[in-house]
Structure formats: C-alpha cells, structure tokens
Amino acid sequence: MKLKNLKEKQVMDTIDRIIRERDDICDCDRCRLDIAAIALNNLKPKYVVTEKGGLYAKVDILDYQYDVDLIKEVTQAIEIVNKQPHHE
C-alpha cells in the first residue's frame, strides 16, 4: 500500500454528489479539481500507509461531524470556484 490521504476520495465523491444535485456548478475537470484542492486544504488530512490503518481510519469517516465538516468545506469551495472559475 502507498501513502494515501483517505479524504481525497471522500471529497471527490462529495463533489460529484453535489454537482449531480445542482445545475449551477460547472462540472469540468478543472473546476472539480479546483474545488477539491480548496476543500482538502481546509480539511485535516487522514493519511494511512497500511490496509489495517485504512480500516481504522474509515471508522472516523462514519462520524456525523466528519460529514458536516466535509460538506461545509466542499460547499464553500464550490462557491469560491463558481465566483472565479479558472477554465476557458
């Protein structure tokens, strides 16, 4: 197993879910990555290097406050990118 930030997948999944629910968000790759970068920079990373560590860390992901923080940061990042997208 390699060094992995478990929050990357969770952030990308949350972005995908929110984009499906709203039609006012650009879904190009550049905007998605900009949103992810902003959100991940504001969230505490959750790095693991072993399968066992990944399983323990995933227990934290089931926490309600984790979901609230994740959605809050992704939503704020979406607003930032929507106001000033970097795509053509």
PDB file of N, CA and C in Angstrom:
ATOM      1  N   MET A   1       0.845  -1.182   0.000  1.00  0.00           N
ATOM      2  CA  MET A   1       0.000   0.000   0.000  1.00  0.00           C
ATOM      3  C   MET A   1       0.887   1.242   0.000  1.00  0.00           C
ATOM      4  N   LYS A   2       0.444   2.280  -0.667  1.00  0.00           N
ATOM      5  CA  LYS A   2       1.171   3.542  -0.710  1.00  0.00           C
ATOM      6  C   LYS A   2       0.599   4.513   0.308  1.00  0.00           C
ATOM      7  N   LEU A   3       1.316   5.607   0.512  1.00  0.00           N
ATOM      8  CA  LEU A   3       0.815   6.692   1.341  1.00  0.00           C
ATOM      9  C   LEU A   3      -0.432   7.263   0.673  1.00  0.00           C
ATOM     10  N   LYS A   4      -1.505   7.380   1.451  1.00  0.00           N
ATOM     11  CA  LYS A   4      -2.770   7.792   0.866  1.00  0.00           C
ATOM     12  C   LYS A   4      -3.534   8.676   1.836  1.00  0.00           C
ATOM     13  N   ASN A   5      -4.079   9.773   1.321  1.00  0.00           N
ATOM     14  CA  ASN A   5      -4.965  10.633   2.090  1.00  0.00           C
ATOM     15  C   ASN A   5      -6.392  10.163   1.812  1.00  0.00           C
ATOM     16  N   LEU A   6      -7.023   9.538   2.792  1.00  0.00           N
ATOM     17  CA  LEU A   6      -8.357   8.986   2.600  1.00  0.00           C
ATOM     18  C   LEU A   6      -9.396  10.057   2.287  1.00  0.00           C
ATOM     19  N   LYS A   7      -9.127  11.278   2.675  1.00  0.00           N
ATOM     20  CA  LYS A   7     -10.115  12.336   2.448  1.00  0.00           C
ATOM     21  C   LYS A   7     -10.223  12.722   0.973  1.00  0.00           C
ATOM     22  N   GLU A   8      -9.207  12.420   0.170  1.00  0.00           N
ATOM     23  CA  GLU A   8      -9.285  12.769  -1.254  1.00  0.00           C
ATOM     24  C   GLU A   8     -10.487  12.111  -1.914  1.00  0.00           C
ATOM     25  N   LYS A   9     -10.655  10.830  -1.706  1.00  0.00           N
ATOM     26  CA  LYS A   9     -11.791  10.130  -2.324  1.00  0.00           C
ATOM     27  C   LYS A   9     -13.108  10.641  -1.771  1.00  0.00           C
ATOM     28  N   GLN A  10     -13.163  10.881  -0.466  1.00  0.00           N
ATOM     29  CA  GLN A  10     -14.396  11.371   0.140  1.00  0.00           C
ATOM     30  C   GLN A  10     -14.764  12.747  -0.409  1.00  0.00           C
ATOM     31  N   VAL A  11     -13.779  13.612  -0.576  1.00  0.00           N
ATOM     32  CA  VAL A  11     -14.037  14.945  -1.127  1.00  0.00           C
ATOM     33  C   VAL A  11     -14.532  14.825  -2.572  1.00  0.00           C
ATOM     34  N   MET A  12     -13.874  14.019  -3.377  1.00  0.00           N
ATOM     35  CA  MET A  12     -14.291  13.856  -4.773  1.00  0.00           C
ATOM     36  C   MET A  12     -15.701  13.269  -4.862  1.00  0.00           C
ATOM     37  N   ASP A  13     -16.015  12.297  -4.018  1.00  0.00           N
ATOM     38  CA  ASP A  13     -17.364  11.720  -4.008  1.00  0.00           C
ATOM     39  C   ASP A  13     -18.404  12.766  -3.612  1.00  0.00           C
ATOM     40  N   THR A  14     -18.072  13.610  -2.646  1.00  0.00           N
ATOM     41  CA  THR A  14     -18.993  14.662  -2.208  1.00  0.00           C
ATOM     42  C   THR A  14     -19.188  15.693  -3.314  1.00  0.00           C
ATOM     43  N   ILE A  15     -18.119  16.066  -3.987  1.00  0.00           N
ATOM     44  CA  ILE A  15     -18.221  16.993  -5.114  1.00  0.00           C
ATOM     45  C   ILE A  15     -19.141  16.409  -6.180  1.00  0.00           C
ATOM     46  N   ASP A  16     -18.935  15.154  -6.535  1.00  0.00           N
ATOM     47  CA  ASP A  16     -19.766  14.502  -7.547  1.00  0.00           C
ATOM     48  C   ASP A  16     -21.236  14.520  -7.145  1.00  0.00           C
ATOM     49  N   ARG A  17     -21.497  14.204  -5.884  1.00  0.00           N
ATOM     50  CA  ARG A  17     -22.886  14.161  -5.399  1.00  0.00           C
ATOM     51  C   ARG A  17     -23.540  15.541  -5.453  1.00  0.00           C
ATOM     52  N   ILE A  18     -22.828  16.567  -5.023  1.00  0.00           N
ATOM     53  CA  ILE A  18     -23.393  17.916  -5.019  1.00  0.00           C
ATOM     54  C   ILE A  18     -23.598  18.419  -6.444  1.00  0.00           C
ATOM     55  N   ILE A  19     -22.656  18.141  -7.322  1.00  0.00           N
ATOM     56  CA  ILE A  19     -22.788  18.571  -8.721  1.00  0.00           C
ATOM     57  C   ILE A  19     -23.995  17.916  -9.379  1.00  0.00           C
ATOM     58  N   ARG A  20     -24.263  16.654  -9.064  1.00  0.00           N
ATOM     59  CA  ARG A  20     -25.446  15.969  -9.615  1.00  0.00           C
ATOM     60  C   ARG A  20     -26.742  16.617  -9.131  1.00  0.00           C
ATOM     61  N   GLU A  21     -26.721  17.159  -7.911  1.00  0.00           N
ATOM     62  CA  GLU A  21     -27.927  17.739  -7.323  1.00  0.00           C
ATOM     63  C   GLU A  21     -28.178  19.181  -7.756  1.00  0.00           C
ATOM     64  N   ARG A  22     -27.148  19.856  -8.241  1.00  0.00           N
ATOM     65  CA  ARG A  22     -27.274  21.271  -8.606  1.00  0.00           C
ATOM     66  C   ARG A  22     -26.863  21.475 -10.057  1.00  0.00           C
ATOM     67  N   ASP A  23     -27.573  22.362 -10.745  1.00  0.00           N
ATOM     68  CA  ASP A  23     -27.237  22.634 -12.143  1.00  0.00           C
ATOM     69  C   ASP A  23     -26.488  23.953 -12.333  1.00  0.00           C
ATOM     70  N   ASP A  24     -26.117  24.604 -11.241  1.00  0.00           N
ATOM     71  CA  ASP A  24     -25.414  25.880 -11.323  1.00  0.00           C
ATOM     72  C   ASP A  24     -23.909  25.749 -11.075  1.00  0.00           C
ATOM     73  N   ILE A  25     -23.397  24.527 -11.126  1.00  0.00           N
ATOM     74  CA  ILE A  25     -21.979  24.273 -10.867  1.00  0.00           C
ATOM     75  C   ILE A  25     -21.349  23.681 -12.119  1.00  0.00           C
ATOM     76  N   CYS A  26     -20.250  24.276 -12.551  1.00  0.00           N
ATOM     77  CA  CYS A  26     -19.516  23.727 -13.691  1.00  0.00           C
ATOM     78  C   CYS A  26     -18.940  22.365 -13.299  1.00  0.00           C
ATOM     79  N   ASP A  27     -19.081  21.400 -14.188  1.00  0.00           N
ATOM     80  CA  ASP A  27     -18.573  20.062 -13.870  1.00  0.00           C
ATOM     81  C   ASP A  27     -17.361  19.676 -14.715  1.00  0.00           C
ATOM     82  N   CYS A  28     -16.647  20.675 -15.249  1.00  0.00           N
ATOM     83  CA  CYS A  28     -15.428  20.350 -15.998  1.00  0.00           C
ATOM     84  C   CYS A  28     -14.349  19.862 -15.017  1.00  0.00           C
ATOM     85  N   ASP A  29     -13.365  19.166 -15.545  1.00  0.00           N
ATOM     86  CA  ASP A  29     -12.306  18.602 -14.701  1.00  0.00           C
ATOM     87  C   ASP A  29     -11.556  19.686 -13.930  1.00  0.00           C
ATOM     88  N   ARG A  30     -11.281  20.816 -14.563  1.00  0.00           N
ATOM     89  CA  ARG A  30     -10.526  21.889 -13.898  1.00  0.00           C
ATOM     90  C   ARG A  30     -11.294  22.412 -12.683  1.00  0.00           C
ATOM     91  N   CYS A  31     -12.588  22.665 -12.841  1.00  0.00           N
ATOM     92  CA  CYS A  31     -13.382  23.171 -11.719  1.00  0.00           C
ATOM     93  C   CYS A  31     -13.482  22.132 -10.606  1.00  0.00           C
ATOM     94  N   ARG A  32     -13.674  20.870 -10.967  1.00  0.00           N
ATOM     95  CA  ARG A  32     -13.736  19.808  -9.962  1.00  0.00           C
ATOM     96  C   ARG A  32     -12.441  19.748  -9.149  1.00  0.00           C
ATOM     97  N   LEU A  33     -11.306  19.810  -9.845  1.00  0.00           N
ATOM     98  CA  LEU A  33     -10.020  19.744  -9.154  1.00  0.00           C
ATOM     99  C   LEU A  33      -9.758  20.994  -8.321  1.00  0.00           C
ATOM    100  N   ASP A  34     -10.162  22.159  -8.816  1.00  0.00           N
ATOM    101  CA  ASP A  34     -10.021  23.383  -8.022  1.00  0.00           C
ATOM    102  C   ASP A  34     -10.855  23.293  -6.743  1.00  0.00           C
ATOM    103  N   ILE A  35     -12.076  22.812  -6.864  1.00  0.00           N
ATOM    104  CA  ILE A  35     -12.950  22.638  -5.695  1.00  0.00           C
ATOM    105  C   ILE A  35     -12.304  21.672  -4.708  1.00  0.00           C
ATOM    106  N   ALA A  36     -11.802  20.553  -5.216  1.00  0.00           N
ATOM    107  CA  ALA A  36     -11.178  19.544  -4.355  1.00  0.00           C
ATOM    108  C   ALA A  36      -9.950  20.112  -3.645  1.00  0.00           C
ATOM    109  N   ALA A  37      -9.120  20.847  -4.371  1.00  0.00           N
ATOM    110  CA  ALA A  37      -7.899  21.406  -3.775  1.00  0.00           C
ATOM    111  C   ALA A  37      -8.238  22.374  -2.648  1.00  0.00           C
ATOM    112  N   ILE A  38      -9.213  23.240  -2.874  1.00  0.00           N
ATOM    113  CA  ILE A  38      -9.598  24.205  -1.841  1.00  0.00           C
ATOM    114  C   ILE A  38     -10.151  23.480  -0.624  1.00  0.00           C
ATOM    115  N   ALA A  39     -11.052  22.530  -0.847  1.00  0.00           N
ATOM    116  CA  ALA A  39     -11.653  21.798   0.276  1.00  0.00           C
ATOM    117  C   ALA A  39     -10.599  21.010   1.047  1.00  0.00           C
ATOM    118  N   LEU A  40      -9.730  20.308   0.337  1.00  0.00           N
ATOM    119  CA  LEU A  40      -8.702  19.498   1.006  1.00  0.00           C
ATOM    120  C   LEU A  40      -7.710  20.351   1.781  1.00  0.00           C
ATOM    121  N   ASN A  41      -7.423  21.539   1.296  1.00  0.00           N
ATOM    122  CA  ASN A  41      -6.523  22.436   2.030  1.00  0.00           C
ATOM    123  C   ASN A  41      -7.137  22.921   3.334  1.00  0.00           C
ATOM    124  N   ASN A  42      -8.454  22.864   3.447  1.00  0.00           N
ATOM    125  CA  ASN A  42      -9.137  23.319   4.654  1.00  0.00           C
ATOM    126  C   ASN A  42      -9.560  22.180   5.581  1.00  0.00           C
ATOM    127  N   LEU A  43      -9.347  20.961   5.159  1.00  0.00           N
ATOM    128  CA  LEU A  43      -9.682  19.790   5.980  1.00  0.00           C
ATOM    129  C   LEU A  43      -8.405  19.154   6.514  1.00  0.00           C
ATOM    130  N   LYS A  44      -8.490  18.622   7.698  1.00  0.00           N
ATOM    131  CA  LYS A  44      -7.351  17.898   8.257  1.00  0.00           C
ATOM    132  C   LYS A  44      -7.165  16.600   7.463  1.00  0.00           C
ATOM    133  N   PRO A  45      -5.965  16.346   6.955  1.00  0.00           N
ATOM    134  CA  PRO A  45      -5.757  15.125   6.173  1.00  0.00           C
ATOM    135  C   PRO A  45      -5.847  13.875   7.044  1.00  0.00           C
ATOM    136  N   LYS A  46      -6.127  12.767   6.404  1.00  0.00           N
ATOM    137  CA  LYS A  46      -6.193  11.482   7.100  1.00  0.00           C
ATOM    138  C   LYS A  46      -5.354  10.493   6.286  1.00  0.00           C
ATOM    139  N   TYR A  47      -4.048  10.484   6.588  1.00  0.00           N
ATOM    140  CA  TYR A  47      -3.114   9.640   5.843  1.00  0.00           C
ATOM    141  C   TYR A  47      -3.008   8.252   6.461  1.00  0.00           C
ATOM    142  N   VAL A  48      -2.887   7.258   5.582  1.00  0.00           N
ATOM    143  CA  VAL A  48      -2.659   5.881   6.012  1.00  0.00           C
ATOM    144  C   VAL A  48      -1.613   5.263   5.095  1.00  0.00           C
ATOM    145  N   VAL A  49      -0.952   4.232   5.611  1.00  0.00           N
ATOM    146  CA  VAL A  49       0.036   3.519   4.784  1.00  0.00           C
ATOM    147  C   VAL A  49      -0.199   2.015   4.782  1.00  0.00           C
ATOM    148  N   THR A  50      -1.104   1.535   5.614  1.00  0.00           N
ATOM    149  CA  THR A  50      -1.383   0.103   5.660  1.00  0.00           C
ATOM    150  C   THR A  50      -2.885  -0.138   5.497  1.00  0.00           C
ATOM    151  N   GLU A  51      -3.215  -1.339   5.096  1.00  0.00           N
ATOM    152  CA  GLU A  51      -4.629  -1.711   4.979  1.00  0.00           C
ATOM    153  C   GLU A  51      -5.326  -1.610   6.338  1.00  0.00           C
ATOM    154  N   LYS A  52      -4.643  -2.062   7.389  1.00  0.00           N
ATOM    155  CA  LYS A  52      -5.213  -2.007   8.728  1.00  0.00           C
ATOM    156  C   LYS A  52      -5.465  -0.561   9.147  1.00  0.00           C
ATOM    157  N   GLY A  53      -4.514   0.315   8.873  1.00  0.00           N
ATOM    158  CA  GLY A  53      -4.679   1.730   9.177  1.00  0.00           C
ATOM    159  C   GLY A  53      -5.840   2.334   8.411  1.00  0.00           C
ATOM    160  N   GLY A  54      -6.009   1.884   7.173  1.00  0.00           N
ATOM    161  CA  GLY A  54      -7.130   2.355   6.359  1.00  0.00           C
ATOM    162  C   GLY A  54      -8.467   1.952   6.945  1.00  0.00           C
ATOM    163  N   LEU A  55      -8.529   0.749   7.491  1.00  0.00           N
ATOM    164  CA  LEU A  55      -9.778   0.287   8.108  1.00  0.00           C
ATOM    165  C   LEU A  55     -10.098   1.080   9.366  1.00  0.00           C
ATOM    166  N   TYR A  56      -9.089   1.321  10.197  1.00  0.00           N
ATOM    167  CA  TYR A  56      -9.310   2.119  11.405  1.00  0.00           C
ATOM    168  C   TYR A  56      -9.731   3.540  11.049  1.00  0.00           C
ATOM    169  N   ALA A  57      -9.098   4.119  10.050  1.00  0.00           N
ATOM    170  CA  ALA A  57      -9.401   5.496   9.656  1.00  0.00           C
ATOM    171  C   ALA A  57     -10.796   5.615   9.081  1.00  0.00           C
ATOM    172  N   LYS A  58     -11.262   4.574   8.401  1.00  0.00           N
ATOM    173  CA  LYS A  58     -12.603   4.628   7.816  1.00  0.00           C
ATOM    174  C   LYS A  58     -13.687   4.673   8.880  1.00  0.00           C
ATOM    175  N   VAL A  59     -13.392   4.222  10.074  1.00  0.00           N
ATOM    176  CA  VAL A  59     -14.355   4.319  11.169  1.00  0.00           C
ATOM    177  C   VAL A  59     -14.629   5.790  11.458  1.00  0.00           C
ATOM    178  N   ASP A  60     -13.606   6.633  11.410  1.00  0.00           N
ATOM    179  CA  ASP A  60     -13.780   8.070  11.624  1.00  0.00           C
ATOM    180  C   ASP A  60     -14.703   8.680  10.573  1.00  0.00           C
ATOM    181  N   ILE A  61     -14.646   8.160   9.366  1.00  0.00           N
ATOM    182  CA  ILE A  61     -15.437   8.690   8.270  1.00  0.00           C
ATOM    183  C   ILE A  61     -16.931   8.501   8.527  1.00  0.00           C
ATOM    184  N   LEU A  62     -17.287   7.546   9.343  1.00  0.00           N
ATOM    185  CA  LEU A  62     -18.689   7.303   9.654  1.00  0.00           C
ATOM    186  C   LEU A  62     -19.256   8.301  10.662  1.00  0.00           C
ATOM    187  N   ASP A  63     -18.417   9.141  11.213  1.00  0.00           N
ATOM    188  CA  ASP A  63     -18.820  10.125  12.208  1.00  0.00           C
ATOM    189  C   ASP A  63     -19.657  11.231  11.566  1.00  0.00           C
ATOM    190  N   TYR A  64     -20.751  11.624  12.232  1.00  0.00           N
ATOM    191  CA  TYR A  64     -21.650  12.659  11.732  1.00  0.00           C
ATOM    192  C   TYR A  64     -20.928  13.998  11.559  1.00  0.00           C
ATOM    193  N   GLN A  65     -20.121  14.392  12.525  1.00  0.00           N
ATOM    194  CA  GLN A  65     -19.405  15.665  12.436  1.00  0.00           C
ATOM    195  C   GLN A  65     -18.455  15.668  11.246  1.00  0.00           C
ATOM    196  N   TYR A  66     -17.871  14.533  10.929  1.00  0.00           N
ATOM    197  CA  TYR A  66     -16.995  14.420   9.763  1.00  0.00           C
ATOM    198  C   TYR A  66     -17.775  14.789   8.505  1.00  0.00           C
ATOM    199  N   ASP A  67     -18.985  14.247   8.369  1.00  0.00           N
ATOM    200  CA  ASP A  67     -19.823  14.545   7.207  1.00  0.00           C
ATOM    201  C   ASP A  67     -20.161  16.026   7.127  1.00  0.00           C
ATOM    202  N   VAL A  68     -20.502  16.614   8.262  1.00  0.00           N
ATOM    203  CA  VAL A  68     -20.849  18.035   8.301  1.00  0.00           C
ATOM    204  C   VAL A  68     -19.655  18.876   7.847  1.00  0.00           C
ATOM    205  N   ASP A  69     -18.486  18.592   8.390  1.00  0.00           N
ATOM    206  CA  ASP A  69     -17.282  19.345   8.027  1.00  0.00           C
ATOM    207  C   ASP A  69     -16.946  19.183   6.544  1.00  0.00           C
ATOM    208  N   LEU A  70     -17.066  17.977   6.059  1.00  0.00           N
ATOM    209  CA  LEU A  70     -16.766  17.685   4.657  1.00  0.00           C
ATOM    210  C   LEU A  70     -17.708  18.458   3.733  1.00  0.00           C
ATOM    211  N   ILE A  71     -18.995  18.390   3.982  1.00  0.00           N
ATOM    212  CA  ILE A  71     -19.972  19.087   3.145  1.00  0.00           C
ATOM    213  C   ILE A  71     -19.784  20.594   3.231  1.00  0.00           C
ATOM    214  N   LYS A  72     -19.500  21.101   4.414  1.00  0.00           N
ATOM    215  CA  LYS A  72     -19.284  22.540   4.593  1.00  0.00           C
ATOM    216  C   LYS A  72     -18.101  23.014   3.758  1.00  0.00           C
ATOM    217  N   GLU A  73     -16.989  22.312   3.837  1.00  0.00           N
ATOM    218  CA  GLU A  73     -15.785  22.727   3.104  1.00  0.00           C
ATOM    219  C   GLU A  73     -15.968  22.603   1.598  1.00  0.00           C
ATOM    220  N   VAL A  74     -16.617  21.541   1.152  1.00  0.00           N
ATOM    221  CA  VAL A  74     -16.855  21.372  -0.287  1.00  0.00           C
ATOM    222  C   VAL A  74     -17.795  22.461  -0.793  1.00  0.00           C
ATOM    223  N   THR A  75     -18.838  22.755  -0.044  1.00  0.00           N
ATOM    224  CA  THR A  75     -19.789  23.791  -0.444  1.00  0.00           C
ATOM    225  C   THR A  75     -19.115  25.159  -0.520  1.00  0.00           C
ATOM    226  N   GLN A  76     -18.287  25.482   0.464  1.00  0.00           N
ATOM    227  CA  GLN A  76     -17.566  26.752   0.433  1.00  0.00           C
ATOM    228  C   GLN A  76     -16.607  26.806  -0.759  1.00  0.00           C
ATOM    229  N   ALA A  77     -15.949  25.701  -1.044  1.00  0.00           N
ATOM    230  CA  ALA A  77     -15.032  25.648  -2.187  1.00  0.00           C
ATOM    231  C   ALA A  77     -15.793  25.826  -3.503  1.00  0.00           C
ATOM    232  N   ILE A  78     -16.970  25.246  -3.592  1.00  0.00           N
ATOM    233  CA  ILE A  78     -17.799  25.406  -4.795  1.00  0.00           C
ATOM    234  C   ILE A  78     -18.137  26.874  -5.006  1.00  0.00           C
ATOM    235  N   GLU A  79     -18.510  27.557  -3.954  1.00  0.00           N
ATOM    236  CA  GLU A  79     -18.860  28.978  -4.063  1.00  0.00           C
ATOM    237  C   GLU A  79     -17.656  29.799  -4.538  1.00  0.00           C
ATOM    238  N   ILE A  80     -16.477  29.500  -4.030  1.00  0.00           N
ATOM    239  CA  ILE A  80     -15.268  30.215  -4.434  1.00  0.00           C
ATOM    240  C   ILE A  80     -14.989  29.992  -5.916  1.00  0.00           C
ATOM    241  N   VAL A  81     -15.051  28.755  -6.355  1.00  0.00           N
ATOM    242  CA  VAL A  81     -14.752  28.419  -7.746  1.00  0.00           C
ATOM    243  C   VAL A  81     -15.834  28.966  -8.680  1.00  0.00           C
ATOM    244  N   ASN A  82     -17.096  28.907  -8.257  1.00  0.00           N
ATOM    245  CA  ASN A  82     -18.170  29.454  -9.083  1.00  0.00           C
ATOM    246  C   ASN A  82     -17.998  30.951  -9.330  1.00  0.00           C
ATOM    247  N   LYS A  83     -17.497  31.666  -8.324  1.00  0.00           N
ATOM    248  CA  LYS A  83     -17.314  33.112  -8.463  1.00  0.00           C
ATOM    249  C   LYS A  83     -16.149  33.453  -9.383  1.00  0.00           C
ATOM    250  N   GLN A  84     -15.138  32.594  -9.414  1.00  0.00           N
ATOM    251  CA  GLN A  84     -13.948  32.885 -10.208  1.00  0.00           C
ATOM    252  C   GLN A  84     -13.357  31.593 -10.792  1.00  0.00           C
ATOM    253  N   PRO A  85     -14.044  31.002 -11.779  1.00  0.00           N
ATOM    254  CA  PRO A  85     -13.519  29.767 -12.382  1.00  0.00           C
ATOM    255  C   PRO A  85     -12.239  30.045 -13.183  1.00  0.00           C
ATOM    256  N   HIS A  86     -11.373  29.039 -13.276  1.00  0.00           N
ATOM    257  CA  HIS A  86     -10.113  29.185 -13.998  1.00  0.00           C
ATOM    258  C   HIS A  86     -10.114  28.490 -15.351  1.00  0.00           C
ATOM    259  N   HIS A  87     -11.248  28.000 -15.759  1.00  0.00           N
ATOM    260  CA  HIS A  87     -11.315  27.356 -17.079  1.00  0.00           C
ATOM    261  C   HIS A  87     -11.637  28.403 -18.145  1.00  0.00           C
ATOM    262  N   GLU A  88     -11.500  28.013 -19.408  1.00  0.00           N
ATOM    263  CA  GLU A  88     -11.800  28.956 -20.500  1.00  0.00           C
ATOM    264  C   GLU A  88     -13.256  28.937 -20.847  1.00  0.00           C
TER     265      GLU A  88
END
